[in-house]
């Protein structure tokens, strides 16, 4: 894959759309209104040359952003969290989450496993947007091509 950040972001958007679908809260970052993009960009503290690709925006205090460099998210009542893509060992779902959801299409909890074993659970929009975001994260972290 190219090292050009804009090209990488376009590939992540392509993977999101190919393996899932846009939803009400999940779509390419560029498709959101300026006020949402500006708020998330400020909260996420984007790095120089870091290009946002896919955003799941459930609320101003609950969102997840996949960029060309990191996965950044905020959960209700929590500080902004971020993991460099190179530190993501796996993106998966917990068996218990699948059982409690009762159906794969109702899944909304993505588990990120870092290379040191640290686990994070991120709430996403269920259904095809969940599938697309999950696969885009896997592609970004080198877990899927």
N, C-alpha and C. Protein backbone atom coordinates (compact mmCIF):
# COMPACT_ATOMS: atom_id res chain seq x y z
N UNK A 1 0.85 -1.18 0.00
CA UNK A 1 0.00 0.00 0.00
C UNK A 1 0.89 1.24 0.00
N UNK A 2 0.43 2.29 -0.62
CA UNK A 2 1.15 3.55 -0.70
C UNK A 2 1.36 4.15 0.68
N UNK A 3 2.40 4.97 0.80
CA UNK A 3 2.65 5.69 2.05
C UNK A 3 1.92 7.02 2.09
N UNK A 4 1.28 7.40 0.98
CA UNK A 4 0.56 8.66 0.93
C UNK A 4 -0.66 8.58 1.85
N UNK A 5 -0.73 9.42 2.90
CA UNK A 5 -1.84 9.32 3.87
C UNK A 5 -3.23 9.45 3.24
N UNK A 6 -3.38 10.28 2.24
CA UNK A 6 -4.70 10.43 1.61
C UNK A 6 -5.10 9.15 0.89
N UNK A 7 -4.14 8.52 0.23
CA UNK A 7 -4.42 7.25 -0.44
C UNK A 7 -4.80 6.18 0.59
N UNK A 8 -4.06 6.12 1.69
CA UNK A 8 -4.34 5.15 2.75
C UNK A 8 -5.75 5.37 3.30
N UNK A 9 -6.12 6.62 3.55
CA UNK A 9 -7.47 6.93 4.05
C UNK A 9 -8.53 6.48 3.06
N UNK A 10 -8.30 6.71 1.77
CA UNK A 10 -9.26 6.27 0.74
C UNK A 10 -9.40 4.75 0.74
N UNK A 11 -8.31 4.03 0.94
CA UNK A 11 -8.36 2.56 1.00
C UNK A 11 -9.15 2.08 2.22
N UNK A 12 -8.99 2.77 3.34
CA UNK A 12 -9.74 2.40 4.55
C UNK A 12 -11.24 2.65 4.35
N UNK A 13 -11.58 3.74 3.69
CA UNK A 13 -12.98 4.03 3.38
C UNK A 13 -13.51 2.95 2.43
N UNK A 14 -12.72 2.58 1.44
CA UNK A 14 -13.12 1.53 0.50
C UNK A 14 -13.38 0.22 1.24
N UNK A 15 -12.49 -0.15 2.17
CA UNK A 15 -12.68 -1.39 2.94
C UNK A 15 -13.95 -1.31 3.79
N UNK A 16 -14.19 -0.17 4.42
CA UNK A 16 -15.40 0.03 5.22
C UNK A 16 -16.65 -0.20 4.35
N UNK A 17 -16.68 0.39 3.17
CA UNK A 17 -17.85 0.26 2.30
C UNK A 17 -17.97 -1.14 1.71
N UNK A 18 -16.83 -1.75 1.36
CA UNK A 18 -16.84 -3.08 0.73
C UNK A 18 -17.34 -4.16 1.69
N UNK A 19 -16.97 -4.04 2.96
CA UNK A 19 -17.31 -5.10 3.91
C UNK A 19 -18.45 -4.72 4.84
N UNK A 20 -19.05 -3.57 4.61
CA UNK A 20 -20.15 -3.12 5.45
C UNK A 20 -21.00 -2.12 4.71
N UNK A 21 -21.48 -1.14 5.41
CA UNK A 21 -22.30 -0.10 4.80
C UNK A 21 -22.36 1.10 5.72
N UNK A 22 -22.63 2.25 5.13
CA UNK A 22 -22.85 3.44 5.94
C UNK A 22 -24.11 3.24 6.76
N UNK A 23 -24.16 3.92 7.89
CA UNK A 23 -25.35 3.91 8.72
C UNK A 23 -25.72 5.33 9.07
N UNK A 24 -26.53 5.48 10.07
CA UNK A 24 -26.90 6.81 10.54
C UNK A 24 -25.70 7.46 11.23
N UNK A 25 -24.96 6.68 12.02
CA UNK A 25 -23.86 7.21 12.82
C UNK A 25 -22.48 6.87 12.28
N UNK A 26 -22.39 6.00 11.30
CA UNK A 26 -21.09 5.53 10.81
C UNK A 26 -20.98 5.76 9.31
N UNK A 27 -19.92 6.46 8.94
CA UNK A 27 -19.69 6.76 7.53
C UNK A 27 -18.29 7.34 7.37
N UNK A 28 -17.87 7.54 6.14
CA UNK A 28 -16.57 8.21 5.97
C UNK A 28 -16.58 9.56 6.68
N UNK A 29 -15.48 9.88 7.30
CA UNK A 29 -15.32 11.12 8.07
C UNK A 29 -15.75 12.34 7.25
N UNK A 30 -15.38 12.37 5.99
CA UNK A 30 -15.67 13.52 5.13
C UNK A 30 -17.17 13.76 4.94
N UNK A 31 -17.99 12.76 5.18
CA UNK A 31 -19.44 12.88 4.96
C UNK A 31 -20.17 13.55 6.13
N UNK A 32 -19.49 13.75 7.23
CA UNK A 32 -20.12 14.37 8.39
C UNK A 32 -20.13 15.89 8.24
N UNK A 33 -21.07 16.56 8.91
CA UNK A 33 -21.10 18.03 8.87
C UNK A 33 -19.82 18.62 9.49
N UNK A 34 -19.48 19.82 9.06
CA UNK A 34 -18.28 20.50 9.56
C UNK A 34 -18.21 20.54 11.08
N UNK A 35 -19.33 20.84 11.73
CA UNK A 35 -19.29 20.98 13.20
C UNK A 35 -18.93 19.67 13.88
N UNK A 36 -19.38 18.54 13.35
CA UNK A 36 -19.02 17.23 13.91
C UNK A 36 -17.55 16.94 13.64
N UNK A 37 -17.12 17.13 12.40
CA UNK A 37 -15.71 16.89 12.05
C UNK A 37 -14.77 17.75 12.89
N UNK A 38 -15.12 19.03 13.03
CA UNK A 38 -14.26 19.93 13.80
C UNK A 38 -14.17 19.51 15.27
N UNK A 39 -15.30 19.14 15.86
CA UNK A 39 -15.32 18.73 17.27
C UNK A 39 -14.49 17.46 17.48
N UNK A 40 -14.66 16.47 16.60
CA UNK A 40 -13.92 15.22 16.73
C UNK A 40 -12.43 15.45 16.47
N UNK A 41 -12.12 16.25 15.46
CA UNK A 41 -10.71 16.54 15.15
C UNK A 41 -10.03 17.18 16.36
N UNK A 42 -10.70 18.12 17.00
CA UNK A 42 -10.14 18.80 18.17
C UNK A 42 -9.99 17.82 19.34
N UNK A 43 -11.04 17.04 19.61
CA UNK A 43 -11.00 16.05 20.70
C UNK A 43 -9.91 15.01 20.47
N UNK A 44 -9.79 14.55 19.24
CA UNK A 44 -8.85 13.47 18.91
C UNK A 44 -7.40 13.94 18.91
N UNK A 45 -7.19 15.25 18.75
CA UNK A 45 -5.83 15.76 18.70
C UNK A 45 -5.04 15.14 17.57
N UNK A 46 -5.59 15.24 16.36
CA UNK A 46 -4.94 14.60 15.21
C UNK A 46 -3.50 15.06 15.04
N UNK A 47 -2.66 14.13 14.67
CA UNK A 47 -1.24 14.37 14.48
C UNK A 47 -0.98 14.95 13.10
N UNK A 48 0.20 15.52 12.92
CA UNK A 48 0.58 16.04 11.61
C UNK A 48 0.59 14.88 10.61
N UNK A 49 0.03 15.08 9.45
CA UNK A 49 -0.05 14.08 8.37
C UNK A 49 -1.01 12.93 8.67
N UNK A 50 -1.74 12.98 9.78
CA UNK A 50 -2.73 11.96 10.11
C UNK A 50 -4.04 12.33 9.42
N UNK A 51 -4.58 11.41 8.64
CA UNK A 51 -5.80 11.69 7.88
C UNK A 51 -6.94 10.85 8.44
N UNK A 52 -8.05 11.49 8.86
CA UNK A 52 -9.21 10.74 9.34
C UNK A 52 -9.88 10.01 8.19
N UNK A 53 -10.33 8.78 8.43
CA UNK A 53 -10.94 7.98 7.36
C UNK A 53 -12.41 7.67 7.66
N UNK A 54 -12.68 6.93 8.74
CA UNK A 54 -14.04 6.47 9.05
C UNK A 54 -14.39 6.88 10.48
N UNK A 55 -15.61 7.38 10.64
CA UNK A 55 -16.07 7.85 11.94
C UNK A 55 -17.40 7.20 12.29
N UNK A 56 -17.50 6.72 13.52
CA UNK A 56 -18.78 6.31 14.10
C UNK A 56 -19.07 7.35 15.18
N UNK A 57 -20.08 8.19 14.94
CA UNK A 57 -20.39 9.29 15.85
C UNK A 57 -21.76 9.04 16.47
N UNK A 58 -21.74 8.44 17.66
CA UNK A 58 -22.98 8.15 18.37
C UNK A 58 -23.47 9.37 19.15
N UNK A 59 -22.52 10.19 19.65
CA UNK A 59 -22.85 11.44 20.33
C UNK A 59 -21.55 12.22 20.50
N UNK A 60 -21.65 13.43 21.04
CA UNK A 60 -20.47 14.24 21.27
C UNK A 60 -19.50 13.64 22.27
N UNK A 61 -20.00 12.71 23.10
CA UNK A 61 -19.15 12.05 24.10
C UNK A 61 -18.98 10.56 23.85
N UNK A 62 -19.42 10.11 22.69
CA UNK A 62 -19.29 8.68 22.36
C UNK A 62 -19.09 8.55 20.85
N UNK A 63 -17.84 8.32 20.48
CA UNK A 63 -17.50 8.20 19.07
C UNK A 63 -16.21 7.38 18.90
N UNK A 64 -15.98 6.93 17.67
CA UNK A 64 -14.75 6.21 17.34
C UNK A 64 -14.30 6.67 15.96
N UNK A 65 -13.02 6.97 15.83
CA UNK A 65 -12.46 7.48 14.59
C UNK A 65 -11.26 6.63 14.19
N UNK A 66 -11.31 6.13 12.97
CA UNK A 66 -10.19 5.40 12.38
C UNK A 66 -9.44 6.36 11.47
N UNK A 67 -8.16 6.53 11.74
CA UNK A 67 -7.33 7.41 10.91
C UNK A 67 -6.23 6.57 10.25
N UNK A 68 -5.38 7.25 9.53
CA UNK A 68 -4.26 6.56 8.88
C UNK A 68 -3.16 6.18 9.86
N UNK A 69 -3.25 6.67 11.09
CA UNK A 69 -2.22 6.41 12.10
C UNK A 69 -2.72 5.71 13.35
N UNK A 70 -3.99 5.98 13.73
CA UNK A 70 -4.49 5.52 15.02
C UNK A 70 -5.97 5.17 14.95
N UNK A 71 -6.41 4.47 15.97
CA UNK A 71 -7.82 4.31 16.28
C UNK A 71 -8.03 5.15 17.53
N UNK A 72 -8.92 6.13 17.44
CA UNK A 72 -9.16 7.07 18.53
C UNK A 72 -10.63 6.98 18.90
N UNK A 73 -10.95 6.97 20.20
CA UNK A 73 -12.35 6.88 20.58
C UNK A 73 -12.60 7.59 21.89
N UNK A 74 -13.86 7.87 22.11
CA UNK A 74 -14.31 8.46 23.37
C UNK A 74 -15.58 7.74 23.79
N UNK A 75 -15.64 7.34 25.04
CA UNK A 75 -16.82 6.68 25.59
C UNK A 75 -17.42 7.62 26.62
N UNK A 76 -18.71 7.53 26.84
CA UNK A 76 -19.39 8.39 27.81
C UNK A 76 -18.62 8.44 29.12
N UNK A 77 -18.36 9.66 29.59
CA UNK A 77 -17.70 9.84 30.88
C UNK A 77 -16.23 9.49 30.91
N UNK A 78 -15.64 9.24 29.76
CA UNK A 78 -14.23 8.83 29.73
C UNK A 78 -13.41 9.83 28.91
N UNK A 79 -12.11 9.78 29.16
CA UNK A 79 -11.18 10.59 28.37
C UNK A 79 -11.04 9.98 26.98
N UNK A 80 -10.54 10.76 26.07
CA UNK A 80 -10.25 10.25 24.74
C UNK A 80 -9.14 9.22 24.84
N UNK A 81 -9.32 8.09 24.18
CA UNK A 81 -8.33 7.02 24.15
C UNK A 81 -7.83 6.87 22.71
N UNK A 82 -6.62 6.36 22.56
CA UNK A 82 -6.07 6.15 21.23
C UNK A 82 -5.07 5.01 21.26
N UNK A 83 -5.02 4.27 20.16
CA UNK A 83 -4.05 3.20 19.99
C UNK A 83 -3.45 3.37 18.59
N UNK A 84 -2.13 3.42 18.52
CA UNK A 84 -1.47 3.45 17.23
C UNK A 84 -1.81 2.16 16.48
N UNK A 85 -2.01 2.28 15.19
CA UNK A 85 -2.39 1.11 14.39
C UNK A 85 -1.34 0.00 14.50
N UNK A 86 -0.08 0.38 14.61
CA UNK A 86 1.00 -0.63 14.71
C UNK A 86 0.93 -1.42 16.02
N UNK A 87 0.17 -0.93 17.00
CA UNK A 87 0.04 -1.61 18.29
C UNK A 87 -1.21 -2.48 18.38
N UNK A 88 -2.01 -2.49 17.32
CA UNK A 88 -3.23 -3.31 17.33
C UNK A 88 -2.87 -4.71 16.84
N UNK A 89 -3.00 -5.66 17.76
CA UNK A 89 -2.74 -7.07 17.43
C UNK A 89 -3.97 -7.71 16.80
N UNK A 90 -5.17 -7.32 17.30
CA UNK A 90 -6.40 -7.91 16.79
C UNK A 90 -7.58 -6.97 17.06
N UNK A 91 -8.57 -7.09 16.22
CA UNK A 91 -9.87 -6.46 16.43
C UNK A 91 -10.86 -7.61 16.35
N UNK A 92 -11.64 -7.80 17.40
CA UNK A 92 -12.47 -8.99 17.50
C UNK A 92 -13.74 -8.68 18.29
N UNK A 93 -14.56 -9.68 18.46
CA UNK A 93 -15.73 -9.56 19.34
C UNK A 93 -15.63 -10.63 20.41
N UNK A 94 -16.07 -10.29 21.59
CA UNK A 94 -16.05 -11.24 22.70
C UNK A 94 -17.25 -12.18 22.55
N UNK A 95 -17.06 -13.44 22.88
CA UNK A 95 -18.15 -14.42 22.79
C UNK A 95 -19.35 -13.98 23.62
N UNK A 96 -19.09 -13.44 24.81
CA UNK A 96 -20.17 -12.99 25.68
C UNK A 96 -20.97 -11.86 25.06
N UNK A 97 -20.30 -10.97 24.33
CA UNK A 97 -20.99 -9.87 23.66
C UNK A 97 -21.91 -10.40 22.57
N UNK A 98 -21.42 -11.39 21.85
CA UNK A 98 -22.24 -11.99 20.79
C UNK A 98 -23.45 -12.68 21.39
N UNK A 99 -23.25 -13.40 22.47
CA UNK A 99 -24.37 -14.08 23.13
C UNK A 99 -25.39 -13.09 23.67
N UNK A 100 -24.93 -12.02 24.30
CA UNK A 100 -25.87 -11.04 24.86
C UNK A 100 -26.59 -10.25 23.78
N UNK A 101 -25.94 -10.04 22.63
CA UNK A 101 -26.59 -9.34 21.52
C UNK A 101 -27.68 -10.22 20.91
N UNK A 102 -27.47 -11.54 20.94
CA UNK A 102 -28.45 -12.46 20.41
C UNK A 102 -28.39 -12.65 18.91
N UNK A 103 -27.67 -11.78 18.22
CA UNK A 103 -27.57 -11.86 16.76
C UNK A 103 -26.34 -11.09 16.32
N UNK A 104 -25.67 -11.60 15.31
CA UNK A 104 -24.47 -10.91 14.80
C UNK A 104 -24.82 -9.51 14.32
N UNK A 105 -26.00 -9.33 13.75
CA UNK A 105 -26.36 -8.01 13.22
C UNK A 105 -26.69 -7.00 14.32
N UNK A 106 -26.82 -7.47 15.57
CA UNK A 106 -27.07 -6.56 16.69
C UNK A 106 -25.80 -6.26 17.49
N UNK A 107 -24.67 -6.86 17.07
CA UNK A 107 -23.39 -6.62 17.75
C UNK A 107 -23.03 -5.15 17.68
N UNK A 108 -22.55 -4.60 18.81
CA UNK A 108 -22.11 -3.22 18.79
C UNK A 108 -20.82 -2.99 19.60
N UNK A 109 -20.22 -4.05 20.11
CA UNK A 109 -19.02 -3.92 20.94
C UNK A 109 -17.82 -4.57 20.25
N UNK A 110 -16.90 -3.74 19.79
CA UNK A 110 -15.67 -4.21 19.17
C UNK A 110 -14.56 -4.21 20.20
N UNK A 111 -13.83 -5.31 20.29
CA UNK A 111 -12.71 -5.42 21.22
C UNK A 111 -11.41 -5.24 20.46
N UNK A 112 -10.61 -4.30 20.92
CA UNK A 112 -9.29 -4.06 20.35
C UNK A 112 -8.26 -4.68 21.30
N UNK A 113 -7.39 -5.51 20.75
CA UNK A 113 -6.34 -6.16 21.55
C UNK A 113 -5.00 -5.56 21.09
N UNK A 114 -4.29 -4.96 22.05
CA UNK A 114 -2.99 -4.39 21.74
C UNK A 114 -1.91 -5.46 21.77
N UNK A 115 -0.76 -5.15 21.23
CA UNK A 115 0.35 -6.10 21.18
C UNK A 115 0.81 -6.54 22.57
N UNK A 116 0.57 -5.71 23.60
CA UNK A 116 0.96 -6.09 24.96
C UNK A 116 -0.16 -6.82 25.70
N UNK A 117 -1.27 -7.10 25.00
CA UNK A 117 -2.39 -7.83 25.59
C UNK A 117 -3.49 -6.95 26.17
N UNK A 118 -3.25 -5.65 26.27
CA UNK A 118 -4.29 -4.73 26.76
C UNK A 118 -5.50 -4.80 25.85
N UNK A 119 -6.69 -4.84 26.45
CA UNK A 119 -7.93 -4.95 25.70
C UNK A 119 -8.79 -3.71 25.94
N UNK A 120 -9.42 -3.24 24.87
CA UNK A 120 -10.33 -2.10 24.95
C UNK A 120 -11.62 -2.49 24.24
N UNK A 121 -12.74 -2.10 24.80
CA UNK A 121 -14.02 -2.36 24.15
C UNK A 121 -14.59 -1.03 23.68
N UNK A 122 -14.97 -0.98 22.41
CA UNK A 122 -15.46 0.24 21.80
C UNK A 122 -16.88 0.00 21.29
N UNK A 123 -17.79 0.88 21.66
CA UNK A 123 -19.17 0.78 21.19
C UNK A 123 -19.29 1.42 19.81
N UNK A 124 -19.90 0.68 18.89
CA UNK A 124 -20.11 1.14 17.52
C UNK A 124 -21.58 0.97 17.14
N UNK A 125 -21.95 1.54 16.02
CA UNK A 125 -23.29 1.35 15.48
C UNK A 125 -23.42 -0.11 15.02
N UNK A 126 -24.49 -0.81 15.42
CA UNK A 126 -24.64 -2.22 15.04
C UNK A 126 -24.99 -2.41 13.56
N UNK A 127 -24.93 -3.66 13.14
CA UNK A 127 -25.32 -4.01 11.77
C UNK A 127 -24.16 -3.90 10.79
N UNK A 128 -24.49 -3.56 9.57
CA UNK A 128 -23.47 -3.46 8.53
C UNK A 128 -22.42 -2.37 8.82
N UNK A 129 -22.79 -1.25 9.45
CA UNK A 129 -21.75 -0.29 9.81
C UNK A 129 -20.70 -0.89 10.76
N UNK A 130 -21.14 -1.72 11.71
CA UNK A 130 -20.23 -2.40 12.63
C UNK A 130 -19.26 -3.27 11.85
N UNK A 131 -19.80 -4.07 10.94
CA UNK A 131 -18.98 -4.96 10.13
C UNK A 131 -17.95 -4.19 9.31
N UNK A 132 -18.38 -3.10 8.70
CA UNK A 132 -17.47 -2.29 7.89
C UNK A 132 -16.36 -1.67 8.73
N UNK A 133 -16.72 -1.12 9.89
CA UNK A 133 -15.72 -0.49 10.76
C UNK A 133 -14.73 -1.54 11.24
N UNK A 134 -15.24 -2.67 11.67
CA UNK A 134 -14.39 -3.77 12.15
C UNK A 134 -13.37 -4.17 11.08
N UNK A 135 -13.83 -4.38 9.87
CA UNK A 135 -12.94 -4.80 8.79
C UNK A 135 -11.97 -3.70 8.38
N UNK A 136 -12.39 -2.45 8.46
CA UNK A 136 -11.47 -1.35 8.17
C UNK A 136 -10.36 -1.29 9.22
N UNK A 137 -10.70 -1.51 10.49
CA UNK A 137 -9.68 -1.53 11.55
C UNK A 137 -8.70 -2.67 11.30
N UNK A 138 -9.22 -3.84 10.95
CA UNK A 138 -8.35 -4.99 10.69
C UNK A 138 -7.41 -4.70 9.53
N UNK A 139 -7.93 -4.07 8.47
CA UNK A 139 -7.11 -3.73 7.32
C UNK A 139 -6.05 -2.69 7.69
N UNK A 140 -6.44 -1.69 8.47
CA UNK A 140 -5.52 -0.62 8.87
C UNK A 140 -4.38 -1.14 9.72
N UNK A 141 -4.67 -2.13 10.56
CA UNK A 141 -3.66 -2.65 11.47
C UNK A 141 -2.85 -3.80 10.88
N UNK A 142 -3.14 -4.14 9.63
CA UNK A 142 -2.41 -5.21 8.96
C UNK A 142 -2.96 -6.59 9.22
N UNK A 143 -4.12 -6.66 9.88
CA UNK A 143 -4.73 -7.95 10.19
C UNK A 143 -5.56 -8.52 9.07
N UNK A 144 -5.76 -7.76 8.01
CA UNK A 144 -6.58 -8.18 6.88
C UNK A 144 -6.17 -7.32 5.70
N UNK A 145 -6.19 -7.90 4.54
CA UNK A 145 -5.81 -7.09 3.37
C UNK A 145 -6.92 -7.01 2.36
